[in-house]
Amino acid sequence: MAADFKVPILPHLKKFVLAQLYEGHTEPIKVEEDSPLGRSVMSILIDKRQVTTSVARSTHNKEYDSTLRLVLSHSMMERSPSIKKLARLNLEFDEIFRQAIFIWVRAQNQNGVGSYAAVQNFLEYYKIDESEYTKDAAYQAWQRFKHQKYQKERKNRLQRVK
């Protein structure tokens, strides 16, 4: 027996996820265990730990003006899903969103487009309004992600040299 959940989600993440991962689909989105979203949902339902990352803390203070309707499979329902648990999908979607911005900006940089303009193009492509996620916030997210990625690559290079 499947169940329909209205998961609170940040508006910009909903637009991105529906356009990037589920283009052409309408809600509710059916979630099966063997799909990428299904694996994320199962890991959230199985994980009993508290979320303590800074991203998780910052999402608790945000307004969830949107919902994403999901239909979970029977085996997922056996894991006692709750809206509170499923809202952790915002963390997964935020990570995918930031990776997509990073890749987009890098590709546009190679074509001579400046980073800030590339971020603006990304938001326009996904029809994300300034009221949902500002260009400045997206640009900062890109800078942070780029810095984190650079630091990881640098650390890996140093470890290979040793």
N, C-alpha and C. Protein backbone atom coordinates (compact mmCIF):
# COMPACT_ATOMS: atom_id res chain seq x y z
N MET A 1 0.84 -1.18 0.00
CA MET A 1 0.00 0.00 0.00
C MET A 1 0.90 1.25 0.00
N ALA A 2 0.72 2.11 -0.97
CA ALA A 2 1.50 3.33 -1.08
C ALA A 2 0.77 4.47 -0.38
N ALA A 3 1.53 5.49 0.02
CA ALA A 3 0.93 6.64 0.70
C ALA A 3 1.44 7.92 0.07
N ASP A 4 0.60 8.92 0.09
CA ASP A 4 0.88 10.23 -0.49
C ASP A 4 1.33 11.16 0.63
N PHE A 5 2.51 11.79 0.45
CA PHE A 5 3.04 12.73 1.43
C PHE A 5 3.26 14.08 0.76
N LYS A 6 2.93 15.13 1.48
CA LYS A 6 3.25 16.50 1.03
C LYS A 6 4.44 16.96 1.84
N VAL A 7 5.60 16.85 1.23
CA VAL A 7 6.85 17.15 1.91
C VAL A 7 7.16 18.64 1.78
N PRO A 8 7.37 19.34 2.89
CA PRO A 8 7.75 20.76 2.81
C PRO A 8 9.09 20.90 2.09
N ILE A 9 9.16 21.85 1.18
CA ILE A 9 10.37 22.04 0.40
C ILE A 9 10.53 23.52 0.10
N LEU A 10 11.76 23.96 0.03
CA LEU A 10 12.03 25.34 -0.33
C LEU A 10 11.63 25.55 -1.79
N PRO A 11 10.98 26.67 -2.10
CA PRO A 11 10.44 26.88 -3.46
C PRO A 11 11.46 26.74 -4.58
N HIS A 12 12.67 27.26 -4.39
CA HIS A 12 13.66 27.15 -5.47
C HIS A 12 14.10 25.71 -5.69
N LEU A 13 14.14 24.93 -4.62
CA LEU A 13 14.52 23.53 -4.76
C LEU A 13 13.44 22.74 -5.48
N LYS A 14 12.18 23.06 -5.20
CA LYS A 14 11.09 22.37 -5.88
C LYS A 14 11.16 22.63 -7.39
N LYS A 15 11.31 23.89 -7.77
CA LYS A 15 11.40 24.21 -9.20
C LYS A 15 12.57 23.48 -9.85
N PHE A 16 13.71 23.49 -9.18
CA PHE A 16 14.90 22.85 -9.73
C PHE A 16 14.70 21.34 -9.86
N VAL A 17 14.23 20.71 -8.79
CA VAL A 17 14.07 19.25 -8.79
C VAL A 17 13.07 18.81 -9.85
N LEU A 18 11.94 19.50 -9.94
CA LEU A 18 10.95 19.11 -10.94
C LEU A 18 11.48 19.32 -12.35
N ALA A 19 12.21 20.39 -12.59
CA ALA A 19 12.74 20.66 -13.93
C ALA A 19 13.92 19.75 -14.27
N GLN A 20 14.80 19.52 -13.31
CA GLN A 20 16.02 18.76 -13.57
C GLN A 20 15.81 17.26 -13.52
N LEU A 21 15.10 16.79 -12.52
CA LEU A 21 14.99 15.36 -12.31
C LEU A 21 13.67 14.76 -12.81
N TYR A 22 12.64 15.56 -12.87
CA TYR A 22 11.31 15.03 -13.20
C TYR A 22 10.62 15.83 -14.27
N GLU A 23 11.39 16.30 -15.25
CA GLU A 23 10.81 17.10 -16.33
C GLU A 23 9.73 16.28 -17.04
N GLY A 24 8.57 16.89 -17.20
CA GLY A 24 7.47 16.23 -17.86
C GLY A 24 6.57 15.43 -16.94
N HIS A 25 7.00 15.21 -15.72
CA HIS A 25 6.17 14.48 -14.75
C HIS A 25 5.32 15.48 -13.98
N THR A 26 4.20 15.00 -13.51
CA THR A 26 3.36 15.82 -12.64
C THR A 26 3.36 15.19 -11.26
N GLU A 27 3.03 16.02 -10.29
CA GLU A 27 2.93 15.49 -8.93
C GLU A 27 1.63 14.72 -8.80
N PRO A 28 1.60 13.76 -7.94
CA PRO A 28 2.67 13.28 -7.06
C PRO A 28 3.71 12.46 -7.82
N ILE A 29 4.92 12.51 -7.31
CA ILE A 29 6.04 11.74 -7.87
C ILE A 29 6.06 10.38 -7.18
N LYS A 30 6.01 9.33 -7.96
CA LYS A 30 6.08 7.98 -7.39
C LYS A 30 7.54 7.67 -7.08
N VAL A 31 7.78 7.22 -5.87
CA VAL A 31 9.14 6.94 -5.41
C VAL A 31 9.28 5.44 -5.18
N GLU A 32 10.19 4.83 -5.93
CA GLU A 32 10.50 3.41 -5.79
C GLU A 32 11.90 3.28 -5.20
N GLU A 33 12.15 2.18 -4.52
CA GLU A 33 13.43 1.99 -3.82
C GLU A 33 14.63 2.02 -4.76
N ASP A 34 14.46 1.58 -5.99
CA ASP A 34 15.60 1.47 -6.90
C ASP A 34 15.87 2.74 -7.71
N SER A 35 15.16 3.81 -7.42
CA SER A 35 15.40 5.09 -8.11
C SER A 35 16.37 5.92 -7.26
N PRO A 36 17.02 6.91 -7.88
CA PRO A 36 17.92 7.77 -7.07
C PRO A 36 17.20 8.44 -5.90
N LEU A 37 16.00 8.96 -6.15
CA LEU A 37 15.24 9.57 -5.06
C LEU A 37 14.85 8.52 -4.02
N GLY A 38 14.49 7.33 -4.49
CA GLY A 38 14.12 6.25 -3.57
C GLY A 38 15.27 5.86 -2.66
N ARG A 39 16.48 5.82 -3.20
CA ARG A 39 17.65 5.49 -2.36
C ARG A 39 17.87 6.59 -1.31
N SER A 40 17.66 7.83 -1.70
CA SER A 40 17.80 8.93 -0.74
C SER A 40 16.73 8.83 0.35
N VAL A 41 15.50 8.57 -0.05
CA VAL A 41 14.41 8.44 0.92
C VAL A 41 14.69 7.28 1.87
N MET A 42 15.09 6.14 1.34
CA MET A 42 15.38 4.98 2.20
C MET A 42 16.51 5.28 3.18
N SER A 43 17.55 5.96 2.72
CA SER A 43 18.65 6.26 3.64
C SER A 43 18.19 7.20 4.75
N ILE A 44 17.29 8.12 4.42
CA ILE A 44 16.75 9.02 5.43
C ILE A 44 15.89 8.25 6.43
N LEU A 45 15.08 7.33 5.92
CA LEU A 45 14.18 6.58 6.80
C LEU A 45 14.94 5.60 7.68
N ILE A 46 16.04 5.07 7.19
CA ILE A 46 16.84 4.11 7.96
C ILE A 46 17.71 4.81 8.98
N ASP A 47 18.23 5.98 8.64
CA ASP A 47 19.17 6.72 9.48
C ASP A 47 18.47 7.26 10.73
N LYS A 48 18.96 6.87 11.87
CA LYS A 48 18.37 7.31 13.15
C LYS A 48 19.12 8.48 13.77
N ARG A 49 20.24 8.87 13.14
CA ARG A 49 21.05 9.94 13.72
C ARG A 49 20.37 11.30 13.57
N GLN A 50 20.74 12.21 14.43
CA GLN A 50 20.29 13.59 14.33
C GLN A 50 21.09 14.29 13.25
N VAL A 51 20.45 15.19 12.53
CA VAL A 51 21.16 15.97 11.53
C VAL A 51 21.76 17.17 12.24
N THR A 52 23.09 17.31 12.13
CA THR A 52 23.76 18.38 12.87
C THR A 52 24.57 19.29 11.98
N THR A 53 24.46 19.14 10.68
CA THR A 53 25.26 19.99 9.79
C THR A 53 24.75 21.41 9.82
N SER A 54 25.61 22.33 9.43
CA SER A 54 25.21 23.74 9.40
C SER A 54 24.10 23.98 8.39
N VAL A 55 24.11 23.24 7.28
CA VAL A 55 23.04 23.38 6.29
C VAL A 55 21.70 22.97 6.91
N ALA A 56 21.70 21.90 7.67
CA ALA A 56 20.46 21.44 8.30
C ALA A 56 19.95 22.48 9.29
N ARG A 57 20.87 23.05 10.06
CA ARG A 57 20.43 24.06 11.03
C ARG A 57 19.86 25.27 10.31
N SER A 58 20.47 25.66 9.21
CA SER A 58 19.99 26.85 8.51
C SER A 58 18.65 26.59 7.82
N THR A 59 18.38 25.35 7.39
CA THR A 59 17.10 25.09 6.74
C THR A 59 15.95 25.09 7.75
N HIS A 60 16.25 24.84 9.02
CA HIS A 60 15.19 24.87 10.03
C HIS A 60 14.61 26.28 10.18
N ASN A 61 15.39 27.29 9.87
CA ASN A 61 14.95 28.67 10.02
C ASN A 61 14.26 29.22 8.78
N LYS A 62 14.20 28.45 7.71
CA LYS A 62 13.66 28.95 6.45
C LYS A 62 12.18 28.63 6.32
N GLU A 63 11.54 29.40 5.47
CA GLU A 63 10.13 29.21 5.20
C GLU A 63 9.96 28.16 4.11
N TYR A 64 9.20 27.14 4.40
CA TYR A 64 8.88 26.14 3.41
C TYR A 64 7.54 26.51 2.80
N ASP A 65 7.59 27.34 1.75
CA ASP A 65 6.37 27.84 1.13
C ASP A 65 5.77 26.85 0.14
N SER A 66 6.48 25.78 -0.15
CA SER A 66 6.03 24.82 -1.15
C SER A 66 6.01 23.43 -0.55
N THR A 67 5.32 22.56 -1.24
CA THR A 67 5.36 21.15 -0.89
C THR A 67 5.61 20.35 -2.15
N LEU A 68 6.23 19.21 -1.99
CA LEU A 68 6.47 18.28 -3.07
C LEU A 68 5.70 17.01 -2.72
N ARG A 69 4.75 16.67 -3.56
CA ARG A 69 3.93 15.48 -3.29
C ARG A 69 4.65 14.24 -3.77
N LEU A 70 4.86 13.32 -2.83
CA LEU A 70 5.53 12.06 -3.11
C LEU A 70 4.62 10.90 -2.74
N VAL A 71 4.63 9.87 -3.54
CA VAL A 71 3.93 8.63 -3.22
C VAL A 71 5.01 7.60 -2.94
N LEU A 72 5.05 7.14 -1.69
CA LEU A 72 6.08 6.19 -1.27
C LEU A 72 5.59 4.76 -1.45
N SER A 73 6.52 3.88 -1.77
CA SER A 73 6.19 2.47 -1.97
C SER A 73 5.86 1.80 -0.64
N HIS A 74 5.36 0.59 -0.74
CA HIS A 74 4.98 -0.18 0.45
C HIS A 74 6.17 -0.40 1.38
N SER A 75 7.32 -0.78 0.81
CA SER A 75 8.48 -1.05 1.68
C SER A 75 8.97 0.22 2.39
N MET A 76 8.80 1.37 1.75
CA MET A 76 9.15 2.63 2.41
C MET A 76 8.16 2.93 3.53
N MET A 77 6.92 2.59 3.31
CA MET A 77 5.90 2.83 4.34
C MET A 77 6.17 1.99 5.58
N GLU A 78 6.81 0.84 5.41
CA GLU A 78 7.14 -0.01 6.56
C GLU A 78 8.19 0.62 7.46
N ARG A 79 8.87 1.63 6.97
CA ARG A 79 9.93 2.32 7.74
C ARG A 79 9.39 3.49 8.55
N SER A 80 8.10 3.62 8.67
CA SER A 80 7.44 4.68 9.44
C SER A 80 7.87 6.08 9.01
N PRO A 81 7.62 6.43 7.76
CA PRO A 81 8.00 7.77 7.31
C PRO A 81 7.17 8.84 8.00
N SER A 82 7.77 9.99 8.17
CA SER A 82 7.06 11.15 8.72
C SER A 82 7.46 12.36 7.90
N ILE A 83 6.64 13.38 7.97
CA ILE A 83 6.95 14.61 7.25
C ILE A 83 8.28 15.18 7.75
N LYS A 84 8.50 15.11 9.06
CA LYS A 84 9.74 15.64 9.63
C LYS A 84 10.95 14.93 9.05
N LYS A 85 10.89 13.61 8.93
CA LYS A 85 12.00 12.86 8.34
C LYS A 85 12.17 13.21 6.87
N LEU A 86 11.06 13.22 6.15
CA LEU A 86 11.12 13.44 4.70
C LEU A 86 11.56 14.86 4.36
N ALA A 87 11.36 15.81 5.28
CA ALA A 87 11.81 17.18 5.03
C ALA A 87 13.33 17.24 4.91
N ARG A 88 14.01 16.21 5.38
CA ARG A 88 15.47 16.15 5.24
C ARG A 88 15.88 16.04 3.77
N LEU A 89 14.93 15.73 2.90
CA LEU A 89 15.24 15.71 1.46
C LEU A 89 15.73 17.07 0.99
N ASN A 90 15.34 18.13 1.68
CA ASN A 90 15.83 19.46 1.33
C ASN A 90 17.35 19.50 1.35
N LEU A 91 17.98 18.78 2.26
CA LEU A 91 19.44 18.73 2.32
C LEU A 91 20.00 18.04 1.09
N GLU A 92 19.38 16.93 0.69
CA GLU A 92 19.82 16.21 -0.51
C GLU A 92 19.65 17.09 -1.74
N PHE A 93 18.48 17.70 -1.86
CA PHE A 93 18.19 18.53 -3.03
C PHE A 93 19.09 19.76 -3.06
N ASP A 94 19.39 20.32 -1.89
CA ASP A 94 20.27 21.49 -1.84
C ASP A 94 21.66 21.13 -2.34
N GLU A 95 22.14 19.96 -1.98
CA GLU A 95 23.47 19.52 -2.45
C GLU A 95 23.47 19.35 -3.97
N ILE A 96 22.43 18.74 -4.52
CA ILE A 96 22.33 18.56 -5.97
C ILE A 96 22.23 19.92 -6.65
N PHE A 97 21.48 20.84 -6.05
CA PHE A 97 21.31 22.19 -6.58
C PHE A 97 22.66 22.91 -6.65
N ARG A 98 23.42 22.85 -5.57
CA ARG A 98 24.72 23.53 -5.53
C ARG A 98 25.70 22.90 -6.51
N GLN A 99 25.68 21.58 -6.65
CA GLN A 99 26.54 20.92 -7.64
C GLN A 99 26.17 21.38 -9.05
N ALA A 100 24.87 21.49 -9.31
CA ALA A 100 24.41 21.92 -10.64
C ALA A 100 24.85 23.35 -10.93
N ILE A 101 24.76 24.23 -9.94
CA ILE A 101 25.23 25.61 -10.13
C ILE A 101 26.72 25.60 -10.46
N PHE A 102 27.48 24.81 -9.72
CA PHE A 102 28.93 24.75 -9.92
C PHE A 102 29.25 24.31 -11.36
N ILE A 103 28.62 23.24 -11.80
CA ILE A 103 28.86 22.72 -13.15
C ILE A 103 28.43 23.74 -14.21
N TRP A 104 27.27 24.35 -13.99
CA TRP A 104 26.74 25.34 -14.94
C TRP A 104 27.70 26.53 -15.09
N VAL A 105 28.12 27.06 -13.94
CA VAL A 105 29.00 28.24 -13.97
C VAL A 105 30.33 27.89 -14.62
N ARG A 106 30.87 26.74 -14.28
CA ARG A 106 32.14 26.32 -14.87
C ARG A 106 32.03 26.20 -16.39
N ALA A 107 30.94 25.62 -16.86
CA ALA A 107 30.73 25.47 -18.31
C ALA A 107 30.58 26.83 -18.99
N GLN A 108 29.82 27.73 -18.35
CA GLN A 108 29.64 29.04 -18.95
C GLN A 108 30.91 29.87 -18.88
N ASN A 109 31.71 29.68 -17.84
CA ASN A 109 33.01 30.37 -17.75
C ASN A 109 33.89 29.98 -18.93
N GLN A 110 33.86 28.74 -19.33
CA GLN A 110 34.67 28.28 -20.45
C GLN A 110 34.21 28.90 -21.77
N ASN A 111 32.98 29.40 -21.79
CA ASN A 111 32.45 30.08 -22.98
C ASN A 111 32.51 31.59 -22.85
N GLY A 112 33.28 32.08 -21.87
CA GLY A 112 33.50 33.51 -21.74
C GLY A 112 32.45 34.26 -20.94
N VAL A 113 31.55 33.57 -20.28
CA VAL A 113 30.52 34.23 -19.47
C VAL A 113 31.05 34.37 -18.05
N GLY A 114 30.87 35.55 -17.48
CA GLY A 114 31.30 35.79 -16.10
C GLY A 114 30.50 34.96 -15.12
N SER A 115 31.06 34.73 -13.94
CA SER A 115 30.44 33.86 -12.95
C SER A 115 29.09 34.38 -12.47
N TYR A 116 29.02 35.68 -12.17
CA TYR A 116 27.74 36.22 -11.68
C TYR A 116 26.66 36.12 -12.76
N ALA A 117 27.02 36.43 -14.00
CA ALA A 117 26.07 36.32 -15.11
C ALA A 117 25.66 34.87 -15.33
N ALA A 118 26.59 33.93 -15.14
CA ALA A 118 26.27 32.51 -15.28
C ALA A 118 25.27 32.06 -14.22
N VAL A 119 25.46 32.53 -13.00
CA VAL A 119 24.52 32.21 -11.92
C VAL A 119 23.14 32.77 -12.27
N GLN A 120 23.11 33.99 -12.77
CA GLN A 120 21.85 34.60 -13.18
C GLN A 120 21.20 33.78 -14.29
N ASN A 121 21.96 33.32 -15.25
CA ASN A 121 21.44 32.49 -16.33
C ASN A 121 20.85 31.18 -15.79
N PHE A 122 21.54 30.60 -14.80
CA PHE A 122 21.06 29.36 -14.17
C PHE A 122 19.68 29.58 -13.55
N LEU A 123 19.55 30.65 -12.78
CA LEU A 123 18.27 30.93 -12.12
C LEU A 123 17.17 31.21 -13.14
N GLU A 124 17.51 31.91 -14.20
CA GLU A 124 16.52 32.18 -15.25
C GLU A 124 16.11 30.90 -15.96
N TYR A 125 17.06 30.02 -16.22
CA TYR A 125 16.77 28.77 -16.90
C TYR A 125 15.76 27.93 -16.11
N TYR A 126 15.94 27.87 -14.80
CA TYR A 126 15.05 27.09 -13.94
C TYR A 126 13.86 27.90 -13.44
N LYS A 127 13.71 29.12 -13.94
CA LYS A 127 12.58 30.00 -13.60
C LYS A 127 12.45 30.22 -12.09
N ILE A 128 13.60 30.43 -11.46
CA ILE A 128 13.64 30.69 -10.02
C ILE A 128 13.62 32.20 -9.82
N ASP A 129 12.57 32.68 -9.17
CA ASP A 129 12.38 34.11 -8.95
C ASP A 129 13.32 34.63 -7.87
N GLU A 130 13.58 35.92 -7.95
CA GLU A 130 14.42 36.59 -6.96
C GLU A 130 13.82 36.46 -5.55
N SER A 131 12.48 36.40 -5.45
CA SER A 131 11.83 36.27 -4.15
C SER A 131 12.01 34.87 -3.56
N GLU A 132 12.33 33.88 -4.40
CA GLU A 132 12.52 32.51 -3.93
C GLU A 132 13.97 32.23 -3.56
N TYR A 133 14.87 32.79 -4.35
CA TYR A 133 16.30 32.59 -4.11
C TYR A 133 17.02 33.69 -4.85
N THR A 134 17.70 34.54 -4.14
CA THR A 134 18.31 35.71 -4.77
C THR A 134 19.56 35.33 -5.56
N LYS A 135 19.89 36.18 -6.52
CA LYS A 135 21.10 35.97 -7.31
C LYS A 135 22.33 36.00 -6.40
N ASP A 136 22.31 36.92 -5.44
CA ASP A 136 23.44 37.02 -4.52
C ASP A 136 23.61 35.75 -3.69
N ALA A 137 22.49 35.20 -3.21
CA ALA A 137 22.55 33.96 -2.43
C ALA A 137 23.06 32.81 -3.29
N ALA A 138 22.61 32.74 -4.53
CA ALA A 138 23.07 31.69 -5.44
C ALA A 138 24.56 31.85 -5.74
N TYR A 139 24.99 33.08 -5.93
CA TYR A 139 26.41 33.36 -6.21
C TYR A 139 27.26 32.96 -5.00
N GLN A 140 26.81 33.28 -3.80
CA GLN A 140 27.54 32.90 -2.59
C GLN A 140 27.59 31.39 -2.44
N ALA A 141 26.47 30.71 -2.74
CA ALA A 141 26.44 29.25 -2.67
C ALA A 141 27.46 28.66 -3.64
N TRP A 142 27.52 29.24 -4.84
CA TRP A 142 28.49 28.78 -5.83
C TRP A 142 29.91 28.99 -5.32
N GLN A 143 30.20 30.16 -4.75
CA GLN A 143 31.54 30.44 -4.24
C GLN A 143 31.93 29.47 -3.13
N ARG A 144 31.00 29.21 -2.21
CA ARG A 144 31.29 28.28 -1.11
C ARG A 144 31.55 26.87 -1.65
N PHE A 145 30.69 26.44 -2.57
CA PHE A 145 30.84 25.10 -3.12
C PHE A 145 32.16 24.98 -3.87
N LYS A 146 32.49 25.99 -4.65
CA LYS A 146 33.74 26.01 -5.41
C LYS A 146 34.93 25.93 -4.44
N HIS A 147 34.88 26.69 -3.36
CA HIS A 147 35.96 26.69 -2.37
C HIS A 147 36.08 25.31 -1.71
N GLN A 148 34.95 24.71 -1.34
CA GLN A 148 34.98 23.39 -0.71
C GLN A 148 35.56 22.35 -1.67
N LYS A 149 35.14 22.42 -2.92
CA LYS A 149 35.63 21.47 -3.93
C LYS A 149 37.13 21.66 -4.13
N TYR A 150 37.57 22.90 -4.20
CA TYR A 150 39.00 23.19 -4.36
C TYR A 150 39.79 22.63 -3.17
N GLN A 151 39.27 22.84 -1.96
CA GLN A 151 39.98 22.37 -0.76
C GLN A 151 40.09 20.85 -0.76
N LYS A 152 39.01 20.14 -1.18
CA LYS A 152 39.06 18.68 -1.23
C LYS A 152 40.07 18.20 -2.27
N GLU A 153 40.07 18.83 -3.44
CA GLU A 153 41.02 18.45 -4.50
C GLU A 153 42.45 18.69 -4.04
N ARG A 154 42.68 19.82 -3.37
CA ARG A 154 44.02 20.15 -2.88
C ARG A 154 44.47 19.12 -1.84
N LYS A 155 43.58 18.76 -0.93
CA LYS A 155 43.89 17.77 0.10
C LYS A 155 44.23 16.43 -0.54
N ASN A 156 43.46 16.02 -1.55
CA ASN A 156 43.72 14.76 -2.24
C ASN A 156 45.06 14.78 -2.95
N ARG A 157 45.40 15.90 -3.60
CA ARG A 157 46.69 16.01 -4.28
C ARG A 157 47.84 15.90 -3.28
N LEU A 158 47.71 16.58 -2.13
CA LEU A 158 48.75 16.53 -1.11
C LEU A 158 48.93 15.12 -0.55
N GLN A 159 47.83 14.40 -0.38
CA GLN A 159 47.93 13.04 0.14
C GLN A 159 48.60 12.10 -0.87
N ARG A 160 48.38 12.33 -2.16
CA ARG A 160 49.01 11.49 -3.19
C ARG A 160 50.50 11.75 -3.25
N VAL A 161 50.92 12.97 -2.96
CA VAL A 161 52.33 13.34 -3.02
C VAL A 161 53.11 12.67 -1.88
N LYS A 162 52.48 12.52 -0.74
CA LYS A 162 53.15 11.96 0.46
C LYS A 162 53.52 10.54 0.29
